[in-house]
Amino acid sequence: MVFCWFTTITPVAAEPLSTVAIATSSSGGSTLFSFSGKRPTNLGVKDGKLAACPASPNCVNSQLEASDQEHAIAPLTYQSEPTKAMATLKSVIESMPRTKIISETDDYLYAEFTSALMGFVDDVEFYLSPVDGVIHVRSASRLGQSDLGVNRNRIEDIRNQFSALEAKA
């Protein structure tokens, strides 16, 4: 004698671990997926400082000691008036694909950069320090461990574009 049991399995929707969708940024670029993560709550300038980098290598910050070679990067330098320098910086950021300026003041700019393929979001901050006479930078990935140098390369690209425009002024 053989018994046979049939069971029907009903699929159940699970909560997604992150947002996955086809996304279009405000600058017109689109991504295949969107792994945006949550916007950090520790951003901004506190006592003249941007947030420190986490231990992971996917962050750079110009306010760190040069001995922290993994995270330290030079600030942006400018020769024009501070308001002109920030306007120039804003124009550079706005010209870059898949970027969205989230907030800005006279001495601070915060933008989100989204990667082309997977839609990973990086938080990028700029602080024009009246004490130091430079624009400090911080660029950090929201998700993952390594960024394969994306944050550092982005800041260097911004530096090159910004410096070229500053030289014309």
N, C-alpha and C. Protein backbone atom coordinates (compact mmCIF):
# COMPACT_ATOMS: atom_id res chain seq x y z
N MET A 1 0.84 -1.16 0.00
CA MET A 1 0.00 0.00 0.00
C MET A 1 0.90 1.24 0.00
N VAL A 2 0.59 2.22 -0.87
CA VAL A 2 1.37 3.45 -1.00
C VAL A 2 0.45 4.63 -0.72
N PHE A 3 0.93 5.52 0.14
CA PHE A 3 0.18 6.74 0.42
C PHE A 3 0.90 7.91 -0.25
N CYS A 4 0.13 8.79 -0.75
CA CYS A 4 0.70 9.96 -1.43
C CYS A 4 0.01 11.21 -0.90
N TRP A 5 0.78 12.12 -0.42
CA TRP A 5 0.24 13.38 0.12
C TRP A 5 0.68 14.53 -0.78
N PHE A 6 -0.24 15.38 -1.13
CA PHE A 6 0.07 16.57 -1.92
C PHE A 6 -0.18 17.79 -1.05
N THR A 7 0.75 18.68 -1.09
CA THR A 7 0.62 19.89 -0.30
C THR A 7 0.77 21.09 -1.22
N THR A 8 -0.05 22.07 -1.01
CA THR A 8 0.06 23.31 -1.78
C THR A 8 0.80 24.33 -0.93
N ILE A 9 1.81 24.92 -1.50
CA ILE A 9 2.57 25.95 -0.81
C ILE A 9 2.13 27.30 -1.34
N THR A 10 1.69 28.13 -0.45
CA THR A 10 1.24 29.46 -0.83
C THR A 10 2.38 30.44 -0.59
N PRO A 11 2.82 31.17 -1.63
CA PRO A 11 3.90 32.13 -1.42
C PRO A 11 3.45 33.27 -0.52
N VAL A 12 4.37 33.72 0.30
CA VAL A 12 4.10 34.83 1.22
C VAL A 12 5.07 35.95 0.88
N ALA A 13 4.57 37.17 0.81
CA ALA A 13 5.44 38.32 0.52
C ALA A 13 6.28 38.63 1.75
N ALA A 14 7.55 38.82 1.53
CA ALA A 14 8.47 39.16 2.61
C ALA A 14 8.85 40.62 2.51
N GLU A 15 9.26 41.19 3.60
CA GLU A 15 9.75 42.56 3.61
C GLU A 15 11.08 42.61 2.87
N PRO A 16 11.25 43.53 1.94
CA PRO A 16 12.54 43.63 1.25
C PRO A 16 13.62 44.15 2.19
N LEU A 17 14.86 43.69 1.95
CA LEU A 17 15.99 44.17 2.75
C LEU A 17 16.41 45.57 2.34
N SER A 18 16.22 45.91 1.08
CA SER A 18 16.49 47.27 0.63
C SER A 18 15.60 47.55 -0.56
N THR A 19 15.53 48.80 -0.92
CA THR A 19 14.71 49.19 -2.04
C THR A 19 15.35 48.72 -3.34
N VAL A 20 14.59 47.99 -4.14
CA VAL A 20 15.08 47.53 -5.43
C VAL A 20 14.06 47.99 -6.47
N ALA A 21 14.47 48.85 -7.35
CA ALA A 21 13.57 49.38 -8.36
C ALA A 21 14.38 50.01 -9.47
N ILE A 22 13.71 50.27 -10.56
CA ILE A 22 14.36 51.07 -11.60
C ILE A 22 14.12 52.51 -11.20
N ALA A 23 15.18 53.27 -11.09
CA ALA A 23 15.08 54.62 -10.55
C ALA A 23 15.64 55.64 -11.53
N THR A 24 15.10 56.84 -11.45
CA THR A 24 15.60 57.96 -12.23
C THR A 24 15.92 59.09 -11.27
N SER A 25 17.12 59.65 -11.39
CA SER A 25 17.52 60.72 -10.48
C SER A 25 17.06 62.07 -11.02
N SER A 26 17.17 63.09 -10.17
CA SER A 26 16.75 64.42 -10.56
C SER A 26 17.63 65.00 -11.67
N SER A 27 18.85 64.47 -11.82
CA SER A 27 19.73 64.98 -12.88
C SER A 27 19.54 64.21 -14.18
N GLY A 28 18.51 63.35 -14.23
CA GLY A 28 18.16 62.69 -15.48
C GLY A 28 18.78 61.34 -15.70
N GLY A 29 19.78 60.95 -14.93
CA GLY A 29 20.38 59.63 -15.10
C GLY A 29 19.49 58.56 -14.50
N SER A 30 19.54 57.37 -15.07
CA SER A 30 18.74 56.30 -14.50
C SER A 30 19.65 55.15 -14.09
N THR A 31 19.14 54.33 -13.20
CA THR A 31 19.87 53.17 -12.72
C THR A 31 19.01 51.95 -12.92
N LEU A 32 19.64 50.79 -13.03
CA LEU A 32 18.91 49.55 -13.20
C LEU A 32 18.23 49.14 -11.90
N PHE A 33 18.93 49.29 -10.80
CA PHE A 33 18.40 48.95 -9.48
C PHE A 33 18.60 50.14 -8.56
N SER A 34 18.01 50.07 -7.39
CA SER A 34 18.22 51.12 -6.40
C SER A 34 18.43 50.51 -5.03
N PHE A 35 19.68 50.53 -4.58
CA PHE A 35 20.03 50.10 -3.24
C PHE A 35 20.41 51.35 -2.46
N SER A 36 19.41 52.12 -2.10
CA SER A 36 19.68 53.45 -1.55
C SER A 36 20.01 53.46 -0.07
N GLY A 37 19.54 52.52 0.69
CA GLY A 37 19.77 52.57 2.13
C GLY A 37 19.05 53.77 2.73
N LYS A 38 19.25 53.98 4.01
CA LYS A 38 18.62 55.10 4.70
C LYS A 38 19.59 56.27 4.79
N ARG A 39 19.04 57.48 4.65
CA ARG A 39 19.86 58.68 4.77
C ARG A 39 20.41 58.77 6.20
N PRO A 40 21.72 58.96 6.33
CA PRO A 40 22.31 59.05 7.67
C PRO A 40 21.77 60.24 8.46
N THR A 41 21.78 60.10 9.75
CA THR A 41 21.30 61.18 10.62
C THR A 41 22.45 61.98 11.23
N ASN A 42 23.69 61.56 10.97
CA ASN A 42 24.84 62.24 11.57
C ASN A 42 25.53 63.23 10.63
N LEU A 43 24.86 63.61 9.55
CA LEU A 43 25.48 64.51 8.58
C LEU A 43 25.35 65.96 9.03
N GLY A 44 26.13 66.82 8.39
CA GLY A 44 26.12 68.23 8.72
C GLY A 44 27.40 68.63 9.44
N VAL A 45 27.48 69.89 9.79
CA VAL A 45 28.66 70.43 10.46
C VAL A 45 28.34 70.60 11.94
N LYS A 46 29.16 70.01 12.77
CA LYS A 46 29.00 70.14 14.22
C LYS A 46 30.33 70.61 14.80
N ASP A 47 30.31 71.78 15.39
CA ASP A 47 31.54 72.38 15.95
C ASP A 47 32.64 72.50 14.90
N GLY A 48 32.25 72.88 13.68
CA GLY A 48 33.23 73.08 12.61
C GLY A 48 33.75 71.81 11.97
N LYS A 49 33.12 70.68 12.26
CA LYS A 49 33.60 69.39 11.74
C LYS A 49 32.48 68.63 11.03
N LEU A 50 32.87 67.95 9.96
CA LEU A 50 31.99 66.98 9.32
C LEU A 50 32.12 65.67 10.09
N ALA A 51 31.18 64.76 9.91
CA ALA A 51 31.22 63.48 10.62
C ALA A 51 32.49 62.72 10.25
N ALA A 52 32.99 61.97 11.20
CA ALA A 52 34.16 61.12 10.96
C ALA A 52 33.77 59.97 10.03
N CYS A 53 34.74 59.36 9.42
CA CYS A 53 34.50 58.18 8.59
C CYS A 53 34.34 56.95 9.47
N PRO A 54 33.53 55.99 9.02
CA PRO A 54 33.47 54.71 9.72
C PRO A 54 34.78 53.94 9.48
N ALA A 55 34.93 52.81 10.10
CA ALA A 55 36.15 52.00 9.93
C ALA A 55 36.27 51.43 8.52
N SER A 56 35.15 51.27 7.83
CA SER A 56 35.17 50.70 6.48
C SER A 56 35.90 51.63 5.52
N PRO A 57 36.48 51.09 4.44
CA PRO A 57 37.29 51.90 3.53
C PRO A 57 36.48 52.72 2.51
N ASN A 58 35.16 52.74 2.61
CA ASN A 58 34.34 53.40 1.59
C ASN A 58 33.96 54.83 1.98
N CYS A 59 34.92 55.58 2.51
CA CYS A 59 34.68 56.96 2.94
C CYS A 59 35.99 57.74 2.87
N VAL A 60 35.91 59.01 2.49
CA VAL A 60 37.04 59.93 2.57
C VAL A 60 36.58 61.21 3.28
N ASN A 61 37.53 61.86 3.97
CA ASN A 61 37.20 63.05 4.74
C ASN A 61 38.46 63.92 4.84
N SER A 62 38.32 65.19 4.51
CA SER A 62 39.49 66.09 4.52
C SER A 62 39.83 66.61 5.91
N GLN A 63 39.05 66.29 6.91
CA GLN A 63 39.35 66.76 8.26
C GLN A 63 40.02 65.69 9.11
N LEU A 64 40.49 64.64 8.49
CA LEU A 64 41.18 63.57 9.21
C LEU A 64 42.69 63.78 9.13
N GLU A 65 43.41 63.17 10.04
CA GLU A 65 44.87 63.23 10.03
C GLU A 65 45.40 62.58 8.76
N ALA A 66 46.43 63.16 8.18
CA ALA A 66 47.04 62.61 6.96
C ALA A 66 47.55 61.19 7.16
N SER A 67 47.83 60.82 8.40
CA SER A 67 48.32 59.47 8.68
C SER A 67 47.24 58.40 8.42
N ASP A 68 45.97 58.81 8.38
CA ASP A 68 44.88 57.88 8.04
C ASP A 68 44.77 57.84 6.52
N GLN A 69 45.72 57.17 5.89
CA GLN A 69 45.82 57.17 4.43
C GLN A 69 44.61 56.57 3.73
N GLU A 70 43.89 55.71 4.42
CA GLU A 70 42.71 55.07 3.83
C GLU A 70 41.56 56.06 3.67
N HIS A 71 41.44 57.01 4.61
CA HIS A 71 40.30 57.92 4.62
C HIS A 71 40.63 59.38 4.35
N ALA A 72 41.86 59.80 4.62
CA ALA A 72 42.21 61.22 4.49
C ALA A 72 42.30 61.64 3.02
N ILE A 73 41.86 62.85 2.77
CA ILE A 73 41.93 63.45 1.44
C ILE A 73 42.10 64.96 1.64
N ALA A 74 42.73 65.63 0.70
CA ALA A 74 42.94 67.07 0.82
C ALA A 74 41.62 67.82 0.61
N PRO A 75 41.46 68.96 1.30
CA PRO A 75 40.27 69.79 1.06
C PRO A 75 40.39 70.50 -0.28
N LEU A 76 39.30 71.09 -0.73
CA LEU A 76 39.33 71.91 -1.94
C LEU A 76 39.87 73.28 -1.57
N THR A 77 40.70 73.84 -2.42
CA THR A 77 41.20 75.20 -2.19
C THR A 77 40.55 76.13 -3.19
N TYR A 78 40.42 77.40 -2.81
CA TYR A 78 39.80 78.37 -3.69
C TYR A 78 40.49 79.72 -3.55
N GLN A 79 40.39 80.53 -4.59
CA GLN A 79 40.99 81.87 -4.60
C GLN A 79 39.92 82.96 -4.64
N SER A 80 38.73 82.62 -5.08
CA SER A 80 37.66 83.60 -5.22
C SER A 80 37.03 83.91 -3.86
N GLU A 81 36.05 84.78 -3.86
CA GLU A 81 35.28 85.06 -2.64
C GLU A 81 34.53 83.79 -2.23
N PRO A 82 34.32 83.58 -0.93
CA PRO A 82 33.64 82.37 -0.47
C PRO A 82 32.28 82.10 -1.14
N THR A 83 31.47 83.15 -1.32
CA THR A 83 30.16 82.92 -1.95
C THR A 83 30.32 82.48 -3.40
N LYS A 84 31.29 83.04 -4.09
CA LYS A 84 31.57 82.64 -5.48
C LYS A 84 32.09 81.20 -5.52
N ALA A 85 32.96 80.85 -4.58
CA ALA A 85 33.50 79.49 -4.53
C ALA A 85 32.38 78.47 -4.33
N MET A 86 31.45 78.77 -3.43
CA MET A 86 30.34 77.83 -3.20
C MET A 86 29.43 77.74 -4.42
N ALA A 87 29.22 78.86 -5.10
CA ALA A 87 28.40 78.84 -6.32
C ALA A 87 29.08 78.01 -7.41
N THR A 88 30.39 78.14 -7.53
CA THR A 88 31.15 77.34 -8.50
C THR A 88 31.06 75.86 -8.15
N LEU A 89 31.23 75.55 -6.89
CA LEU A 89 31.12 74.16 -6.44
C LEU A 89 29.74 73.59 -6.75
N LYS A 90 28.71 74.36 -6.48
CA LYS A 90 27.34 73.91 -6.76
C LYS A 90 27.16 73.62 -8.25
N SER A 91 27.71 74.47 -9.11
CA SER A 91 27.57 74.24 -10.55
C SER A 91 28.28 72.96 -10.98
N VAL A 92 29.42 72.66 -10.36
CA VAL A 92 30.13 71.40 -10.66
C VAL A 92 29.27 70.21 -10.26
N ILE A 93 28.72 70.26 -9.05
CA ILE A 93 27.89 69.16 -8.54
C ILE A 93 26.67 68.97 -9.43
N GLU A 94 26.01 70.05 -9.78
CA GLU A 94 24.80 69.96 -10.61
C GLU A 94 25.08 69.41 -12.00
N SER A 95 26.31 69.54 -12.47
CA SER A 95 26.64 69.05 -13.81
C SER A 95 26.93 67.54 -13.83
N MET A 96 27.04 66.94 -12.67
CA MET A 96 27.41 65.53 -12.59
C MET A 96 26.17 64.65 -12.69
N PRO A 97 26.29 63.51 -13.36
CA PRO A 97 25.12 62.64 -13.53
C PRO A 97 24.68 61.99 -12.22
N ARG A 98 23.40 61.73 -12.13
CA ARG A 98 22.78 60.99 -11.02
C ARG A 98 23.08 61.62 -9.66
N THR A 99 23.00 62.96 -9.61
CA THR A 99 23.21 63.67 -8.35
C THR A 99 21.96 64.44 -7.96
N LYS A 100 21.82 64.63 -6.68
CA LYS A 100 20.70 65.40 -6.16
C LYS A 100 21.21 66.20 -4.97
N ILE A 101 21.09 67.51 -5.05
CA ILE A 101 21.47 68.35 -3.91
C ILE A 101 20.33 68.28 -2.90
N ILE A 102 20.67 67.88 -1.69
CA ILE A 102 19.68 67.70 -0.63
C ILE A 102 19.53 68.96 0.21
N SER A 103 20.65 69.58 0.57
CA SER A 103 20.58 70.82 1.34
C SER A 103 21.82 71.66 1.08
N GLU A 104 21.62 72.97 1.27
CA GLU A 104 22.74 73.89 1.11
C GLU A 104 22.49 75.15 1.93
N THR A 105 23.58 75.71 2.39
CA THR A 105 23.57 77.00 3.07
C THR A 105 24.72 77.81 2.46
N ASP A 106 25.04 78.94 3.05
CA ASP A 106 26.15 79.76 2.54
C ASP A 106 27.48 79.03 2.62
N ASP A 107 27.63 78.13 3.60
CA ASP A 107 28.92 77.47 3.81
C ASP A 107 28.86 75.94 3.80
N TYR A 108 27.74 75.36 3.37
CA TYR A 108 27.58 73.90 3.42
C TYR A 108 26.73 73.43 2.24
N LEU A 109 27.14 72.30 1.67
CA LEU A 109 26.36 71.68 0.59
C LEU A 109 26.38 70.17 0.81
N TYR A 110 25.20 69.56 0.74
CA TYR A 110 25.07 68.11 0.89
C TYR A 110 24.35 67.57 -0.34
N ALA A 111 24.98 66.59 -0.99
CA ALA A 111 24.40 65.97 -2.19
C ALA A 111 24.45 64.46 -2.09
N GLU A 112 23.52 63.82 -2.78
CA GLU A 112 23.51 62.36 -2.90
C GLU A 112 23.93 62.02 -4.32
N PHE A 113 24.84 61.08 -4.45
CA PHE A 113 25.30 60.57 -5.74
C PHE A 113 24.85 59.12 -5.84
N THR A 114 24.25 58.75 -6.96
CA THR A 114 23.74 57.40 -7.15
C THR A 114 24.53 56.70 -8.24
N SER A 115 25.00 55.48 -7.97
CA SER A 115 25.78 54.74 -8.96
C SER A 115 24.89 54.32 -10.13
N ALA A 116 25.49 54.17 -11.30
CA ALA A 116 24.74 53.92 -12.52
C ALA A 116 24.07 52.55 -12.56
N LEU A 117 24.78 51.51 -12.24
CA LEU A 117 24.22 50.17 -12.42
C LEU A 117 23.33 49.73 -11.27
N MET A 118 23.86 49.73 -10.07
CA MET A 118 23.14 49.16 -8.94
C MET A 118 22.38 50.19 -8.10
N GLY A 119 22.59 51.45 -8.35
CA GLY A 119 21.85 52.48 -7.63
C GLY A 119 22.27 52.69 -6.19
N PHE A 120 23.53 52.36 -5.87
CA PHE A 120 24.04 52.63 -4.53
C PHE A 120 24.14 54.14 -4.33
N VAL A 121 23.78 54.62 -3.16
CA VAL A 121 23.80 56.05 -2.88
C VAL A 121 24.97 56.38 -1.96
N ASP A 122 25.71 57.42 -2.33
CA ASP A 122 26.80 57.95 -1.52
C ASP A 122 26.40 59.34 -1.04
N ASP A 123 26.73 59.65 0.19
CA ASP A 123 26.46 60.96 0.77
C ASP A 123 27.73 61.79 0.70
N VAL A 124 27.63 62.97 0.07
CA VAL A 124 28.80 63.81 -0.15
C VAL A 124 28.52 65.20 0.43
N GLU A 125 29.43 65.65 1.30
CA GLU A 125 29.26 66.93 1.98
C GLU A 125 30.45 67.84 1.72
N PHE A 126 30.17 69.13 1.68
CA PHE A 126 31.20 70.15 1.51
C PHE A 126 30.96 71.24 2.54
N TYR A 127 32.02 71.63 3.24
CA TYR A 127 31.92 72.67 4.27
C TYR A 127 33.00 73.71 4.05
N LEU A 128 32.58 74.93 3.75
CA LEU A 128 33.52 76.03 3.57
C LEU A 128 33.86 76.57 4.96
N SER A 129 35.08 76.29 5.39
CA SER A 129 35.52 76.66 6.73
C SER A 129 36.10 78.07 6.72
N PRO A 130 35.48 79.00 7.45
CA PRO A 130 36.03 80.36 7.51
C PRO A 130 37.37 80.41 8.25
N VAL A 131 37.59 79.47 9.13
CA VAL A 131 38.84 79.42 9.90
C VAL A 131 39.99 78.91 9.04
N ASP A 132 39.74 77.83 8.28
CA ASP A 132 40.79 77.20 7.49
C ASP A 132 40.96 77.81 6.10
N GLY A 133 39.93 78.51 5.59
CA GLY A 133 40.01 79.09 4.26
C GLY A 133 40.01 78.06 3.14
N VAL A 134 39.40 76.90 3.40
CA VAL A 134 39.29 75.83 2.40
C VAL A 134 37.86 75.27 2.45
N ILE A 135 37.55 74.41 1.50
CA ILE A 135 36.27 73.70 1.52
C ILE A 135 36.57 72.26 1.90
N HIS A 136 36.15 71.88 3.09
CA HIS A 136 36.34 70.51 3.55
C HIS A 136 35.33 69.60 2.86
N VAL A 137 35.72 68.35 2.66
CA VAL A 137 34.88 67.39 1.96
C VAL A 137 34.75 66.10 2.76
N ARG A 138 33.62 65.45 2.59
CA ARG A 138 33.39 64.11 3.13
C ARG A 138 32.51 63.39 2.12
N SER A 139 32.93 62.21 1.71
CA SER A 139 32.16 61.39 0.77
C SER A 139 32.15 59.97 1.31
N ALA A 140 30.94 59.43 1.53
CA ALA A 140 30.82 58.11 2.15
C ALA A 140 29.70 57.29 1.51
N SER A 141 29.96 56.02 1.32
CA SER A 141 28.94 55.09 0.83
C SER A 141 28.00 54.75 1.97
N ARG A 142 26.72 54.62 1.65
CA ARG A 142 25.74 54.23 2.68
C ARG A 142 25.78 52.74 2.97
N LEU A 143 26.00 51.96 1.93
CA LEU A 143 25.95 50.50 2.06
C LEU A 143 27.27 49.89 1.65
N GLY A 144 27.51 48.68 2.09
CA GLY A 144 28.67 47.92 1.65
C GLY A 144 29.92 48.20 2.46
N GLN A 145 30.98 47.58 2.02
CA GLN A 145 32.26 47.68 2.71
C GLN A 145 33.27 48.46 1.86
N SER A 146 33.59 47.93 0.69
CA SER A 146 34.55 48.59 -0.18
C SER A 146 33.82 49.30 -1.32
N ASP A 147 34.35 50.41 -1.74
CA ASP A 147 33.77 51.13 -2.88
C ASP A 147 34.72 51.15 -4.07
N LEU A 148 35.84 50.41 -3.95
CA LEU A 148 36.85 50.33 -5.01
C LEU A 148 37.37 51.71 -5.40
N GLY A 149 37.42 52.63 -4.44
CA GLY A 149 37.97 53.96 -4.68
C GLY A 149 37.01 54.97 -5.27
N VAL A 150 35.74 54.63 -5.37
CA VAL A 150 34.76 55.52 -6.01
C VAL A 150 34.67 56.87 -5.30
N ASN A 151 34.58 56.87 -3.97
CA ASN A 151 34.44 58.14 -3.25
C ASN A 151 35.67 59.03 -3.43
N ARG A 152 36.85 58.46 -3.33
CA ARG A 152 38.08 59.24 -3.52
C ARG A 152 38.16 59.78 -4.95
N ASN A 153 37.88 58.93 -5.92
CA ASN A 153 37.94 59.36 -7.33
C ASN A 153 36.92 60.45 -7.62
N ARG A 154 35.74 60.36 -7.02
CA ARG A 154 34.72 61.38 -7.23
C ARG A 154 35.20 62.73 -6.70
N ILE A 155 35.76 62.74 -5.51
CA ILE A 155 36.25 64.00 -4.94
C ILE A 155 37.38 64.57 -5.79
N GLU A 156 38.25 63.73 -6.29
CA GLU A 156 39.34 64.22 -7.16
C GLU A 156 38.78 64.77 -8.47
N ASP A 157 37.74 64.15 -9.01
CA ASP A 157 37.09 64.65 -10.22
C ASP A 157 36.46 66.02 -9.94
N ILE A 158 35.77 66.13 -8.81
CA ILE A 158 35.17 67.42 -8.42
C ILE A 158 36.27 68.46 -8.23
N ARG A 159 37.37 68.08 -7.59
CA ARG A 159 38.50 69.00 -7.38
C ARG A 159 39.01 69.53 -8.72
N ASN A 160 39.21 68.63 -9.69
CA ASN A 160 39.73 69.04 -11.00
C ASN A 160 38.78 70.00 -11.71
N GLN A 161 37.50 69.68 -11.71
CA GLN A 161 36.52 70.56 -12.36
C GLN A 161 36.43 71.91 -11.64
N PHE A 162 36.39 71.87 -10.32
CA PHE A 162 36.30 73.08 -9.51
C PHE A 162 37.53 73.97 -9.72
N SER A 163 38.71 73.37 -9.69
CA SER A 163 39.95 74.13 -9.88
C SER A 163 40.02 74.78 -11.26
N ALA A 164 39.55 74.05 -12.27
CA ALA A 164 39.55 74.61 -13.63
C ALA A 164 38.64 75.83 -13.71
N LEU A 165 37.48 75.76 -13.08
CA LEU A 165 36.56 76.90 -13.09
C LEU A 165 37.09 78.05 -12.23
N GLU A 166 37.72 77.73 -11.13
CA GLU A 166 38.33 78.76 -10.27
C GLU A 166 39.44 79.49 -11.02
N ALA A 167 40.20 78.77 -11.82
CA ALA A 167 41.31 79.38 -12.56
C ALA A 167 40.80 80.37 -13.61
N LYS A 168 39.60 80.12 -14.14
CA LYS A 168 39.01 81.02 -15.14
C LYS A 168 38.45 82.29 -14.51
N ALA A 169 38.15 82.23 -13.21
CA ALA A 169 37.49 83.37 -12.54
C ALA A 169 38.44 84.52 -12.30
